[in-house]
Amino acid sequence: MGQSFGMSSPDAAPAQSSPSFWATLSQHKQVPFWELSFDCWDRFSPRPLVLGEAFEALPDAQKSDALRRNAAVIAEVCQLIPFSAVTAPGGFWEEAPGQLAYYVLPGEWRFHQIEAMRVALPDHVMIVANASAILAADYDPDFCEMMFEEPEGIDAIVAERMTTELAHARRYIDAGAGAVVSCSDVADNNGPFFHPHQMERWIYPALQEWSREIREMGAFAILHSDGNLEPYLEPLAESGIDALQAIDPVAGMKLRPTLDQVGDRICVCGNFDNGRLLLDEPDAIHAAALDLLRQNKGRGMWSFGCSNAVQPEVPREHYTALVAAWREAGALD
């Protein structure tokens, strides 16, 4: 079974009596530090991770060894970057048509990678897995037409996705994951994608079911959504999730008012602008991260990190500047 990180089992005390996601990650009296997807492992290790098509091309007899090497590299990098939690590689998906994402593994191997990571990582480093059970924005004209003309079809999509991804979540948790994230954008830079009645029909009930099931499995439930979520912060905070990741600065989300509004109920994660890691110089990155930490630590349950995945193209010295700021200003008083 996966490590439960203090969560209650289904037959134990109610979930509310368990440590929160934030409290579990902040055991070392520091602002927790977690990235939705850290895709810069190769920047910090001379040994590249074997992922995606390169992994798939290996003979089956070599794949288990490759997973152990991957786990060893991740553990070594975590000695340089003191992450409170690490997200594991997910299943195959395309960033663009014909372009496979970087941090992925095929089929059953993604579950076995978590098993290897749990052995290699210190007990206090939580593993987060991606099982995206919640309906996300889809700009395909057929999907948009179905939402209004055939909403029962969307009902069926929601139910099927929930069944599939809860089964994946169980596999991840049994392998060693302590939290599960649903990467489901329900907004964009202009605001919510779904109308309020659609959120009431397809999003909030699904979040309630998903988070309840995840907690009964002994793990924490996290929602990641890009975009401006300000109109829906209250119902999201009451939906049963343990954490909300992104707090998208590009979409105008501000960390302090978000923490003031919901940071006493759920852990708010992220908010550092990913674009800075590619476009700014290290000194500017360090200064911006220091400012974010000094203005917001202690205001509520917050996990420091970027608003989205840290791209493989980010230079090592740029991310090192972010880490240095956390070391300097991340201590909780």
C-alpha atoms as a PDB file:
ATOM      1  CA  MET A   1       0.000   0.000   0.000  1.00  0.00           C
ATOM      2  CA  GLY A   2       1.054   3.622  -0.518  1.00  0.00           C
ATOM      3  CA  GLN A   3       2.198   5.726   2.393  1.00  0.00           C
ATOM      4  CA  SER A   4      -0.801   7.496   3.921  1.00  0.00           C
ATOM      5  CA  PHE A   5       0.972  10.582   5.347  1.00  0.00           C
ATOM      6  CA  GLY A   6      -1.297  10.676   8.367  1.00  0.00           C
ATOM      7  CA  MET A   7      -4.582  10.377   6.471  1.00  0.00           C
ATOM      8  CA  SER A   8      -7.454   8.444   7.972  1.00  0.00           C
ATOM      9  CA  SER A   9      -8.509   5.115   6.540  1.00  0.00           C
ATOM     10  CA  PRO A  10     -12.195   4.656   5.623  1.00  0.00           C
ATOM     11  CA  ASP A  11     -12.818   2.996   9.001  1.00  0.00           C
ATOM     12  CA  ALA A  12     -10.916   5.581  11.038  1.00  0.00           C
ATOM     13  CA  ALA A  13     -11.896   9.005  12.350  1.00  0.00           C
ATOM     14  CA  PRO A  14     -13.550  11.520  10.015  1.00  0.00           C
ATOM     15  CA  ALA A  15     -11.271  13.126   7.446  1.00  0.00           C
ATOM     16  CA  GLN A  16     -11.474  16.508   9.167  1.00  0.00           C
ATOM     17  CA  SER A  17      -9.463  15.172  12.115  1.00  0.00           C
ATOM     18  CA  SER A  18      -6.529  14.272   9.858  1.00  0.00           C
ATOM     19  CA  PRO A  19      -3.577  16.587   9.171  1.00  0.00           C
ATOM     20  CA  SER A  20      -4.155  18.909   6.261  1.00  0.00           C
ATOM     21  CA  PHE A  21      -2.191  18.678   3.026  1.00  0.00           C
ATOM     22  CA  TRP A  22      -0.373  21.874   4.011  1.00  0.00           C
ATOM     23  CA  ALA A  23       0.420  20.694   7.539  1.00  0.00           C
ATOM     24  CA  THR A  24       1.776  17.417   6.188  1.00  0.00           C
ATOM     25  CA  LEU A  25       4.088  19.207   3.749  1.00  0.00           C
ATOM     26  CA  SER A  26       5.267  21.893   6.194  1.00  0.00           C
ATOM     27  CA  GLN A  27       6.678  19.524   8.816  1.00  0.00           C
ATOM     28  CA  HIS A  28      10.113  21.155   8.629  1.00  0.00           C
ATOM     29  CA  LYS A  29       8.837  24.643   9.547  1.00  0.00           C
ATOM     30  CA  GLN A  30       9.292  25.889   5.992  1.00  0.00           C
ATOM     31  CA  VAL A  31       6.773  27.074   3.434  1.00  0.00           C
ATOM     32  CA  PRO A  32       6.085  23.852   1.501  1.00  0.00           C
ATOM     33  CA  PHE A  33       7.742  23.653  -1.919  1.00  0.00           C
ATOM     34  CA  TRP A  34       6.067  21.668  -4.713  1.00  0.00           C
ATOM     35  CA  GLU A  35       5.891  21.961  -8.490  1.00  0.00           C
ATOM     36  CA  LEU A  36       2.925  20.708 -10.484  1.00  0.00           C
ATOM     37  CA  SER A  37       5.420  19.146 -12.904  1.00  0.00           C
ATOM     38  CA  PHE A  38       9.151  19.679 -12.606  1.00  0.00           C
ATOM     39  CA  ASP A  39      10.509  18.938 -16.069  1.00  0.00           C
ATOM     40  CA  CYS A  40      14.091  20.098 -15.416  1.00  0.00           C
ATOM     41  CA  TRP A  41      15.523  16.954 -13.838  1.00  0.00           C
ATOM     42  CA  ASP A  42      18.118  16.720 -16.607  1.00  0.00           C
ATOM     43  CA  ARG A  43      19.341  20.249 -15.799  1.00  0.00           C
ATOM     44  CA  PHE A  44      20.361  19.104 -12.322  1.00  0.00           C
ATOM     45  CA  SER A  45      21.747  15.643 -13.065  1.00  0.00           C
ATOM     46  CA  PRO A  46      24.290  14.341 -15.582  1.00  0.00           C
ATOM     47  CA  ARG A  47      22.071  11.257 -15.934  1.00  0.00           C
ATOM     48  CA  PRO A  48      18.958  11.997 -18.019  1.00  0.00           C
ATOM     49  CA  LEU A  49      15.633  10.471 -17.131  1.00  0.00           C
ATOM     50  CA  VAL A  50      14.465   7.817 -19.580  1.00  0.00           C
ATOM     51  CA  LEU A  51      10.883   8.713 -20.457  1.00  0.00           C
ATOM     52  CA  GLY A  52       8.361   8.742 -23.275  1.00  0.00           C
ATOM     53  CA  GLU A  53       9.276   7.097 -26.546  1.00  0.00           C
ATOM     54  CA  ALA A  54      12.866   6.468 -25.420  1.00  0.00           C
ATOM     55  CA  PHE A  55      11.547   4.372 -22.538  1.00  0.00           C
ATOM     56  CA  GLU A  56       8.986   2.663 -24.734  1.00  0.00           C
ATOM     57  CA  ALA A  57      11.739   1.606 -27.160  1.00  0.00           C
ATOM     58  CA  LEU A  58      13.683  -0.227 -24.451  1.00  0.00           C
ATOM     59  CA  PRO A  59      13.490  -4.032 -24.317  1.00  0.00           C
ATOM     60  CA  ASP A  60      11.104  -5.071 -21.544  1.00  0.00           C
ATOM     61  CA  ALA A  61      14.000  -6.664 -19.658  1.00  0.00           C
ATOM     62  CA  GLN A  62      15.620  -3.232 -19.284  1.00  0.00           C
ATOM     63  CA  LYS A  63      12.580  -1.190 -18.308  1.00  0.00           C
ATOM     64  CA  SER A  64      12.536  -1.994 -14.584  1.00  0.00           C
ATOM     65  CA  ASP A  65      16.192  -0.984 -14.296  1.00  0.00           C
ATOM     66  CA  ALA A  66      15.396   2.255 -16.135  1.00  0.00           C
ATOM     67  CA  LEU A  67      12.646   3.038 -13.620  1.00  0.00           C
ATOM     68  CA  ARG A  68      15.043   2.486 -10.723  1.00  0.00           C
ATOM     69  CA  ARG A  69      17.614   4.764 -12.363  1.00  0.00           C
ATOM     70  CA  ASN A  70      14.949   7.413 -12.907  1.00  0.00           C
ATOM     71  CA  ALA A  71      13.961   7.190  -9.244  1.00  0.00           C
ATOM     72  CA  ALA A  72      17.600   7.458  -8.149  1.00  0.00           C
ATOM     73  CA  VAL A  73      18.070  10.596 -10.273  1.00  0.00           C
ATOM     74  CA  ILE A  74      14.924  12.184  -8.844  1.00  0.00           C
ATOM     75  CA  ALA A  75      16.099  11.397  -5.301  1.00  0.00           C
ATOM     76  CA  GLU A  76      19.544  12.880  -6.012  1.00  0.00           C
ATOM     77  CA  VAL A  77      18.036  16.087  -7.372  1.00  0.00           C
ATOM     78  CA  CYS A  78      15.792  16.314  -4.306  1.00  0.00           C
ATOM     79  CA  GLN A  79      18.981  16.563  -2.244  1.00  0.00           C
ATOM     80  CA  LEU A  80      19.806  19.739  -4.199  1.00  0.00           C
ATOM     81  CA  ILE A  81      16.243  21.070  -4.339  1.00  0.00           C
ATOM     82  CA  PRO A  82      14.410  20.308  -1.087  1.00  0.00           C
ATOM     83  CA  PHE A  83      10.977  19.641  -2.527  1.00  0.00           C
ATOM     84  CA  SER A  84       8.244  18.811  -0.029  1.00  0.00           C
ATOM     85  CA  ALA A  85       6.459  16.815  -2.726  1.00  0.00           C
ATOM     86  CA  VAL A  86       7.318  15.524  -6.195  1.00  0.00           C
ATOM     87  CA  THR A  87       4.907  14.785  -9.011  1.00  0.00           C
ATOM     88  CA  ALA A  88       5.466  11.471 -10.772  1.00  0.00           C
ATOM     89  CA  PRO A  89       5.430  11.016 -14.560  1.00  0.00           C
ATOM     90  CA  GLY A  90       1.953  10.643 -16.001  1.00  0.00           C
ATOM     91  CA  GLY A  91       0.525   8.638 -18.849  1.00  0.00           C
ATOM     92  CA  PHE A  92       1.074   9.494 -22.496  1.00  0.00           C
ATOM     93  CA  TRP A  93      -0.487  12.753 -23.708  1.00  0.00           C
ATOM     94  CA  GLU A  94       0.373  15.273 -26.421  1.00  0.00           C
ATOM     95  CA  GLU A  95       1.320  18.892 -25.732  1.00  0.00           C
ATOM     96  CA  ALA A  96       0.479  19.621 -29.374  1.00  0.00           C
ATOM     97  CA  PRO A  97      -0.656  17.415 -32.252  1.00  0.00           C
ATOM     98  CA  GLY A  98       2.087  14.859 -32.813  1.00  0.00           C
ATOM     99  CA  GLN A  99       4.229  16.219 -29.941  1.00  0.00           C
ATOM    100  CA  LEU A 100       4.413  13.865 -26.965  1.00  0.00           C
ATOM    101  CA  ALA A 101       4.784  15.533 -23.581  1.00  0.00           C
ATOM    102  CA  TYR A 102       8.162  15.190 -21.829  1.00  0.00           C
ATOM    103  CA  TYR A 103       7.273  13.817 -18.404  1.00  0.00           C
ATOM    104  CA  VAL A 104       5.337  10.686 -19.373  1.00  0.00           C
ATOM    105  CA  LEU A 105       5.564   6.901 -19.301  1.00  0.00           C
ATOM    106  CA  PRO A 106       3.512   4.313 -21.176  1.00  0.00           C
ATOM    107  CA  GLY A 107       0.852   2.038 -19.742  1.00  0.00           C
ATOM    108  CA  GLU A 108       1.527   0.165 -16.525  1.00  0.00           C
ATOM    109  CA  TRP A 109       5.038   1.540 -16.212  1.00  0.00           C
ATOM    110  CA  ARG A 110       3.831   4.833 -14.720  1.00  0.00           C
ATOM    111  CA  PHE A 111       2.518   2.908 -11.700  1.00  0.00           C
ATOM    112  CA  HIS A 112       5.783   0.995 -11.340  1.00  0.00           C
ATOM    113  CA  GLN A 113       7.702   4.280 -11.507  1.00  0.00           C
ATOM    114  CA  ILE A 114       5.913   5.450  -8.378  1.00  0.00           C
ATOM    115  CA  GLU A 115       6.853   2.217  -6.616  1.00  0.00           C
ATOM    116  CA  ALA A 116      10.506   2.859  -7.456  1.00  0.00           C
ATOM    117  CA  MET A 117      10.265   6.512  -6.393  1.00  0.00           C
ATOM    118  CA  ARG A 118       8.747   5.566  -3.039  1.00  0.00           C
ATOM    119  CA  VAL A 119      11.743   3.324  -2.346  1.00  0.00           C
ATOM    120  CA  ALA A 120      14.303   5.938  -3.432  1.00  0.00           C
ATOM    121  CA  LEU A 121      12.813   9.096  -1.909  1.00  0.00           C
ATOM    122  CA  PRO A 122      12.921  10.030   1.783  1.00  0.00           C
ATOM    123  CA  ASP A 123       9.703   9.294   3.635  1.00  0.00           C
ATOM    124  CA  HIS A 124       8.945  12.989   4.131  1.00  0.00           C
ATOM    125  CA  VAL A 125       8.827  13.702   0.375  1.00  0.00           C
ATOM    126  CA  MET A 126       5.276  13.133  -0.784  1.00  0.00           C
ATOM    127  CA  ILE A 127       4.621  11.699  -4.239  1.00  0.00           C
ATOM    128  CA  VAL A 128       1.822  13.325  -6.238  1.00  0.00           C
ATOM    129  CA  ALA A 129       0.168  11.479  -9.143  1.00  0.00           C
ATOM    130  CA  ASN A 130      -2.036  12.792 -11.930  1.00  0.00           C
ATOM    131  CA  ALA A 131      -5.480  11.243 -12.327  1.00  0.00           C
ATOM    132  CA  SER A 132      -7.543  13.946 -14.030  1.00  0.00           C
ATOM    133  CA  ALA A 133     -11.094  12.915 -13.208  1.00  0.00           C
ATOM    134  CA  ILE A 134     -12.663  16.372 -13.465  1.00  0.00           C
ATOM    135  CA  LEU A 135     -14.104  17.698 -16.716  1.00  0.00           C
ATOM    136  CA  ALA A 136     -11.911  20.412 -18.268  1.00  0.00           C
ATOM    137  CA  ALA A 137     -12.508  23.220 -20.722  1.00  0.00           C
ATOM    138  CA  ASP A 138     -12.652  21.995 -24.294  1.00  0.00           C
ATOM    139  CA  TYR A 139     -12.883  24.489 -27.143  1.00  0.00           C
ATOM    140  CA  ASP A 140     -13.777  21.897 -29.771  1.00  0.00           C
ATOM    141  CA  PRO A 141     -16.983  23.107 -31.467  1.00  0.00           C
ATOM    142  CA  ASP A 142     -18.651  19.712 -31.112  1.00  0.00           C
ATOM    143  CA  PHE A 143     -18.023  19.671 -27.362  1.00  0.00           C
ATOM    144  CA  CYS A 144     -19.301  23.223 -26.953  1.00  0.00           C
ATOM    145  CA  GLU A 145     -22.446  22.396 -28.929  1.00  0.00           C
ATOM    146  CA  MET A 146     -23.022  19.285 -26.819  1.00  0.00           C
ATOM    147  CA  MET A 147     -22.915  21.319 -23.600  1.00  0.00           C
ATOM    148  CA  PHE A 148     -25.993  23.246 -24.726  1.00  0.00           C
ATOM    149  CA  GLU A 149     -27.791  20.903 -27.112  1.00  0.00           C
ATOM    150  CA  GLU A 150     -27.102  17.496 -25.541  1.00  0.00           C
ATOM    151  CA  PRO A 151     -25.976  17.982 -21.918  1.00  0.00           C
ATOM    152  CA  GLU A 152     -26.761  14.338 -21.185  1.00  0.00           C
ATOM    153  CA  GLY A 153     -23.792  13.485 -23.389  1.00  0.00           C
ATOM    154  CA  ILE A 154     -21.563  15.551 -21.106  1.00  0.00           C
ATOM    155  CA  ASP A 155     -23.100  13.746 -18.119  1.00  0.00           C
ATOM    156  CA  ALA A 156     -21.905  10.468 -19.643  1.00  0.00           C
ATOM    157  CA  ILE A 157     -18.399  11.847 -20.248  1.00  0.00           C
ATOM    158  CA  VAL A 158     -18.182  13.037 -16.633  1.00  0.00           C
ATOM    159  CA  ALA A 159     -19.291   9.642 -15.275  1.00  0.00           C
ATOM    160  CA  GLU A 160     -16.938   7.659 -17.502  1.00  0.00           C
ATOM    161  CA  ARG A 161     -13.971   9.849 -16.678  1.00  0.00           C
ATOM    162  CA  MET A 162     -14.672   9.571 -12.966  1.00  0.00           C
ATOM    163  CA  THR A 163     -14.756   5.769 -13.097  1.00  0.00           C
ATOM    164  CA  THR A 164     -11.570   5.537 -15.155  1.00  0.00           C
ATOM    165  CA  GLU A 165      -9.520   8.030 -13.177  1.00  0.00           C
ATOM    166  CA  LEU A 166     -10.569   6.788  -9.741  1.00  0.00           C
ATOM    167  CA  ALA A 167      -9.314   3.367 -10.806  1.00  0.00           C
ATOM    168  CA  HIS A 168      -6.025   4.958 -11.833  1.00  0.00           C
ATOM    169  CA  ALA A 169      -5.894   6.870  -8.545  1.00  0.00           C
ATOM    170  CA  ARG A 170      -6.244   3.633  -6.589  1.00  0.00           C
ATOM    171  CA  ARG A 171      -3.314   2.162  -8.506  1.00  0.00           C
ATOM    172  CA  TYR A 172      -1.200   5.262  -7.875  1.00  0.00           C
ATOM    173  CA  ILE A 173      -1.995   5.341  -4.164  1.00  0.00           C
ATOM    174  CA  ASP A 174      -1.334   1.632  -3.756  1.00  0.00           C
ATOM    175  CA  ALA A 175       2.030   2.213  -5.452  1.00  0.00           C
ATOM    176  CA  GLY A 176       2.993   4.944  -2.995  1.00  0.00           C
ATOM    177  CA  ALA A 177       1.385   8.258  -3.973  1.00  0.00           C
ATOM    178  CA  GLY A 178       0.262  10.454  -1.076  1.00  0.00           C
ATOM    179  CA  ALA A 179      -1.765  12.898  -3.172  1.00  0.00           C
ATOM    180  CA  VAL A 180      -3.609  12.890  -6.489  1.00  0.00           C
ATOM    181  CA  VAL A 181      -4.046  15.926  -8.726  1.00  0.00           C
ATOM    182  CA  SER A 182      -6.727  16.419 -11.353  1.00  0.00           C
ATOM    183  CA  CYS A 183      -5.280  18.726 -14.008  1.00  0.00           C
ATOM    184  CA  SER A 184      -8.548  20.170 -15.220  1.00  0.00           C
ATOM    185  CA  ASP A 185      -8.659  23.745 -16.469  1.00  0.00           C
ATOM    186  CA  VAL A 186     -12.127  25.108 -15.738  1.00  0.00           C
ATOM    187  CA  ALA A 187     -11.127  28.671 -16.642  1.00  0.00           C
ATOM    188  CA  ASP A 188      -8.862  30.651 -18.943  1.00  0.00           C
ATOM    189  CA  ASN A 189      -7.369  34.151 -18.958  1.00  0.00           C
ATOM    190  CA  ASN A 190     -10.819  35.653 -19.534  1.00  0.00           C
ATOM    191  CA  GLY A 191     -12.432  33.907 -16.574  1.00  0.00           C
ATOM    192  CA  PRO A 192     -14.450  30.712 -16.052  1.00  0.00           C
ATOM    193  CA  PHE A 193     -15.076  28.495 -19.072  1.00  0.00           C
ATOM    194  CA  PHE A 194     -18.217  26.912 -17.624  1.00  0.00           C
ATOM    195  CA  HIS A 195     -21.347  28.885 -16.732  1.00  0.00           C
ATOM    196  CA  PRO A 196     -22.526  28.688 -13.096  1.00  0.00           C
ATOM    197  CA  HIS A 197     -25.269  26.143 -13.880  1.00  0.00           C
ATOM    198  CA  GLN A 198     -22.710  23.991 -15.714  1.00  0.00           C
ATOM    199  CA  MET A 199     -20.342  24.139 -12.742  1.00  0.00           C
ATOM    200  CA  GLU A 200     -23.259  23.039 -10.546  1.00  0.00           C
ATOM    201  CA  ARG A 201     -24.041  20.146 -12.872  1.00  0.00           C
ATOM    202  CA  TRP A 202     -20.632  18.849 -13.936  1.00  0.00           C
ATOM    203  CA  ILE A 203     -17.837  20.262 -11.773  1.00  0.00           C
ATOM    204  CA  TYR A 204     -18.799  20.695  -8.118  1.00  0.00           C
ATOM    205  CA  PRO A 205     -20.547  17.312  -7.669  1.00  0.00           C
ATOM    206  CA  ALA A 206     -17.642  15.588  -9.428  1.00  0.00           C
ATOM    207  CA  LEU A 207     -15.127  17.354  -7.196  1.00  0.00           C
ATOM    208  CA  GLN A 208     -17.082  16.288  -4.126  1.00  0.00           C
ATOM    209  CA  GLU A 209     -17.200  12.657  -5.229  1.00  0.00           C
ATOM    210  CA  TRP A 210     -13.589  12.587  -6.404  1.00  0.00           C
ATOM    211  CA  SER A 211     -12.109  14.236  -3.305  1.00  0.00           C
ATOM    212  CA  ARG A 212     -14.177  12.011  -0.988  1.00  0.00           C
ATOM    213  CA  GLU A 213     -13.014   8.879  -2.785  1.00  0.00           C
ATOM    214  CA  ILE A 214      -9.377   9.986  -2.836  1.00  0.00           C
ATOM    215  CA  ARG A 215      -9.421  10.740   0.879  1.00  0.00           C
ATOM    216  CA  GLU A 216     -11.032   7.377   1.614  1.00  0.00           C
ATOM    217  CA  MET A 217      -8.149   5.785  -0.275  1.00  0.00           C
ATOM    218  CA  GLY A 218      -5.767   7.524   2.159  1.00  0.00           C
ATOM    219  CA  ALA A 219      -4.491  10.394   0.017  1.00  0.00           C
ATOM    220  CA  PHE A 220      -5.048  14.110  -0.578  1.00  0.00           C
ATOM    221  CA  ALA A 221      -7.065  15.545  -3.478  1.00  0.00           C
ATOM    222  CA  ILE A 222      -5.714  18.496  -5.479  1.00  0.00           C
ATOM    223  CA  LEU A 223      -7.299  20.444  -8.317  1.00  0.00           C
ATOM    224  CA  HIS A 224      -5.083  22.220 -10.845  1.00  0.00           C
ATOM    225  CA  SER A 225      -6.741  24.803 -13.051  1.00  0.00           C
ATOM    226  CA  ASP A 226      -5.240  27.575 -15.111  1.00  0.00           C
ATOM    227  CA  GLY A 227      -7.162  30.786 -15.657  1.00  0.00           C
ATOM    228  CA  ASN A 228      -8.990  33.294 -13.504  1.00  0.00           C
ATOM    229  CA  LEU A 229     -11.000  31.396 -10.896  1.00  0.00           C
ATOM    230  CA  GLU A 230     -11.950  34.362  -8.715  1.00  0.00           C
ATOM    231  CA  PRO A 231     -15.737  34.016  -9.278  1.00  0.00           C
ATOM    232  CA  TYR A 232     -15.629  30.352  -8.199  1.00  0.00           C
ATOM    233  CA  LEU A 233     -13.140  30.371  -5.328  1.00  0.00           C
ATOM    234  CA  GLU A 234     -15.773  29.952  -2.612  1.00  0.00           C
ATOM    235  CA  PRO A 235     -17.525  26.875  -4.031  1.00  0.00           C
ATOM    236  CA  LEU A 236     -14.183  25.343  -4.974  1.00  0.00           C
ATOM    237  CA  ALA A 237     -12.959  25.781  -1.400  1.00  0.00           C
ATOM    238  CA  GLU A 238     -16.134  24.072  -0.143  1.00  0.00           C
ATOM    239  CA  SER A 239     -16.002  21.221  -2.672  1.00  0.00           C
ATOM    240  CA  GLY A 240     -13.883  18.913  -0.525  1.00  0.00           C
ATOM    241  CA  ILE A 241     -10.523  19.359  -2.256  1.00  0.00           C
ATOM    242  CA  ASP A 242      -7.437  19.660  -0.079  1.00  0.00           C
ATOM    243  CA  ALA A 243      -5.542  22.019  -2.378  1.00  0.00           C
ATOM    244  CA  LEU A 244      -5.923  24.272  -5.410  1.00  0.00           C
ATOM    245  CA  GLN A 245      -2.892  24.602  -7.685  1.00  0.00           C
ATOM    246  CA  ALA A 246      -1.948  27.383 -10.132  1.00  0.00           C
ATOM    247  CA  ILE A 247      -3.362  30.730  -8.867  1.00  0.00           C
ATOM    248  CA  ASP A 248      -2.512  31.839 -12.361  1.00  0.00           C
ATOM    249  CA  PRO A 249      -0.778  35.244 -12.380  1.00  0.00           C
ATOM    250  CA  VAL A 250      -1.007  35.511 -16.175  1.00  0.00           C
ATOM    251  CA  ALA A 251      -4.803  35.377 -15.810  1.00  0.00           C
ATOM    252  CA  GLY A 252      -4.718  38.084 -13.131  1.00  0.00           C
ATOM    253  CA  MET A 253      -4.958  35.877 -10.040  1.00  0.00           C
ATOM    254  CA  LYS A 254      -3.387  37.479  -6.973  1.00  0.00           C
ATOM    255  CA  LEU A 255      -1.985  35.307  -4.204  1.00  0.00           C
ATOM    256  CA  ARG A 256      -2.702  37.501  -1.163  1.00  0.00           C
ATOM    257  CA  PRO A 257      -6.457  37.968  -1.719  1.00  0.00           C
ATOM    258  CA  THR A 258      -6.767  34.289  -2.636  1.00  0.00           C
ATOM    259  CA  LEU A 259      -5.084  33.287   0.622  1.00  0.00           C
ATOM    260  CA  ASP A 260      -7.190  35.768   2.578  1.00  0.00           C
ATOM    261  CA  GLN A 261     -10.366  34.324   1.067  1.00  0.00           C
ATOM    262  CA  VAL A 262      -9.773  30.563   1.118  1.00  0.00           C
ATOM    263  CA  GLY A 263      -6.318  29.909   2.622  1.00  0.00           C
ATOM    264  CA  ASP A 264      -7.804  28.883   5.959  1.00  0.00           C
ATOM    265  CA  ARG A 265      -9.714  26.016   4.312  1.00  0.00           C
ATOM    266  CA  ILE A 266      -7.584  24.683   1.464  1.00  0.00           C
ATOM    267  CA  CYS A 267      -3.916  24.799   0.587  1.00  0.00           C
ATOM    268  CA  VAL A 268      -3.226  27.315  -2.171  1.00  0.00           C
ATOM    269  CA  CYS A 269      -0.326  26.208  -4.395  1.00  0.00           C
ATOM    270  CA  GLY A 270       1.848  28.031  -6.885  1.00  0.00           C
ATOM    271  CA  ASN A 271       1.494  31.598  -8.236  1.00  0.00           C
ATOM    272  CA  PHE A 272       5.110  32.219  -9.289  1.00  0.00           C
ATOM    273  CA  ASP A 273       5.015  33.197 -12.967  1.00  0.00           C
ATOM    274  CA  ASN A 274       6.638  30.463 -15.074  1.00  0.00           C
ATOM    275  CA  GLY A 275       7.494  32.974 -17.760  1.00  0.00           C
ATOM    276  CA  ARG A 276      10.018  34.630 -15.480  1.00  0.00           C
ATOM    277  CA  LEU A 277      12.094  31.451 -15.403  1.00  0.00           C
ATOM    278  CA  LEU A 278      12.589  31.676 -19.152  1.00  0.00           C
ATOM    279  CA  LEU A 279      12.672  35.430 -19.728  1.00  0.00           C
ATOM    280  CA  ASP A 280      14.237  37.028 -16.621  1.00  0.00           C
ATOM    281  CA  GLU A 281      17.810  36.998 -15.375  1.00  0.00           C
ATOM    282  CA  PRO A 282      18.612  35.086 -12.165  1.00  0.00           C
ATOM    283  CA  ASP A 283      18.791  38.243 -10.036  1.00  0.00           C
ATOM    284  CA  ALA A 284      15.323  39.303 -11.138  1.00  0.00           C
ATOM    285  CA  ILE A 285      13.926  35.802 -10.511  1.00  0.00           C
ATOM    286  CA  HIS A 286      15.470  35.770  -7.041  1.00  0.00           C
ATOM    287  CA  ALA A 287      14.045  39.198  -6.211  1.00  0.00           C
ATOM    288  CA  ALA A 288      10.552  38.322  -7.447  1.00  0.00           C
ATOM    289  CA  ALA A 289      10.511  35.056  -5.500  1.00  0.00           C
ATOM    290  CA  LEU A 290      11.736  36.795  -2.347  1.00  0.00           C
ATOM    291  CA  ASP A 291       8.970  39.366  -2.688  1.00  0.00           C
ATOM    292  CA  LEU A 292       6.320  36.682  -3.155  1.00  0.00           C
ATOM    293  CA  LEU A 293       7.545  34.745  -0.118  1.00  0.00           C
ATOM    294  CA  ARG A 294       7.902  37.732   2.189  1.00  0.00           C
ATOM    295  CA  GLN A 295       4.498  39.131   1.320  1.00  0.00           C
ATOM    296  CA  ASN A 296       2.539  35.896   1.614  1.00  0.00           C
ATOM    297  CA  LYS A 297       4.087  33.326   3.951  1.00  0.00           C
ATOM    298  CA  GLY A 298       2.107  32.900   7.127  1.00  0.00           C
ATOM    299  CA  ARG A 299      -1.072  34.420   5.665  1.00  0.00           C
ATOM    300  CA  GLY A 300      -2.688  31.033   5.131  1.00  0.00           C
ATOM    301  CA  MET A 301      -1.991  27.573   3.817  1.00  0.00           C
ATOM    302  CA  TRP A 302       0.311  28.133   0.841  1.00  0.00           C
ATOM    303  CA  SER A 303       2.744  25.869  -1.005  1.00  0.00           C
ATOM    304  CA  PHE A 304       5.446  27.771  -2.909  1.00  0.00           C
ATOM    305  CA  GLY A 305       6.076  26.951  -6.563  1.00  0.00           C
ATOM    306  CA  CYS A 306       5.268  27.932 -10.116  1.00  0.00           C
ATOM    307  CA  SER A 307       1.780  28.293 -11.503  1.00  0.00           C
ATOM    308  CA  ASN A 308       2.298  25.540 -14.067  1.00  0.00           C
ATOM    309  CA  ALA A 309       4.871  22.990 -15.235  1.00  0.00           C
ATOM    310  CA  VAL A 310       8.527  24.010 -15.125  1.00  0.00           C
ATOM    311  CA  GLN A 311       9.608  23.529 -18.737  1.00  0.00           C
ATOM    312  CA  PRO A 312      12.712  21.534 -19.703  1.00  0.00           C
ATOM    313  CA  GLU A 313      14.102  24.674 -21.370  1.00  0.00           C
ATOM    314  CA  VAL A 314      14.491  26.550 -18.067  1.00  0.00           C
ATOM    315  CA  PRO A 315      18.221  27.130 -17.405  1.00  0.00           C
ATOM    316  CA  ARG A 316      19.601  25.584 -14.236  1.00  0.00           C
ATOM    317  CA  GLU A 317      20.864  28.924 -12.896  1.00  0.00           C
ATOM    318  CA  HIS A 318      17.387  30.427 -13.293  1.00  0.00           C
ATOM    319  CA  TYR A 319      15.684  27.741 -11.238  1.00  0.00           C
ATOM    320  CA  THR A 320      18.542  27.792  -8.740  1.00  0.00           C
ATOM    321  CA  ALA A 321      17.749  31.474  -8.130  1.00  0.00           C
ATOM    322  CA  LEU A 322      14.174  30.494  -7.235  1.00  0.00           C
ATOM    323  CA  VAL A 323      15.416  27.830  -4.830  1.00  0.00           C
ATOM    324  CA  ALA A 324      17.842  30.286  -3.233  1.00  0.00           C
ATOM    325  CA  ALA A 325      14.976  32.680  -2.511  1.00  0.00           C
ATOM    326  CA  TRP A 326      12.996  29.891  -0.838  1.00  0.00           C
ATOM    327  CA  ARG A 327      16.020  28.973   1.293  1.00  0.00           C
ATOM    328  CA  GLU A 328      16.444  32.605   2.292  1.00  0.00           C
ATOM    329  CA  ALA A 329      12.845  33.560   3.011  1.00  0.00           C
ATOM    330  CA  GLY A 330      10.871  30.315   3.285  1.00  0.00           C
ATOM    331  CA  ALA A 331      11.158  29.735   7.020  1.00  0.00           C
ATOM    332  CA  LEU A 332       7.854  29.849   8.904  1.00  0.00           C
ATOM    333  CA  ASP A 333       8.011  31.946  12.061  1.00  0.00           C
END
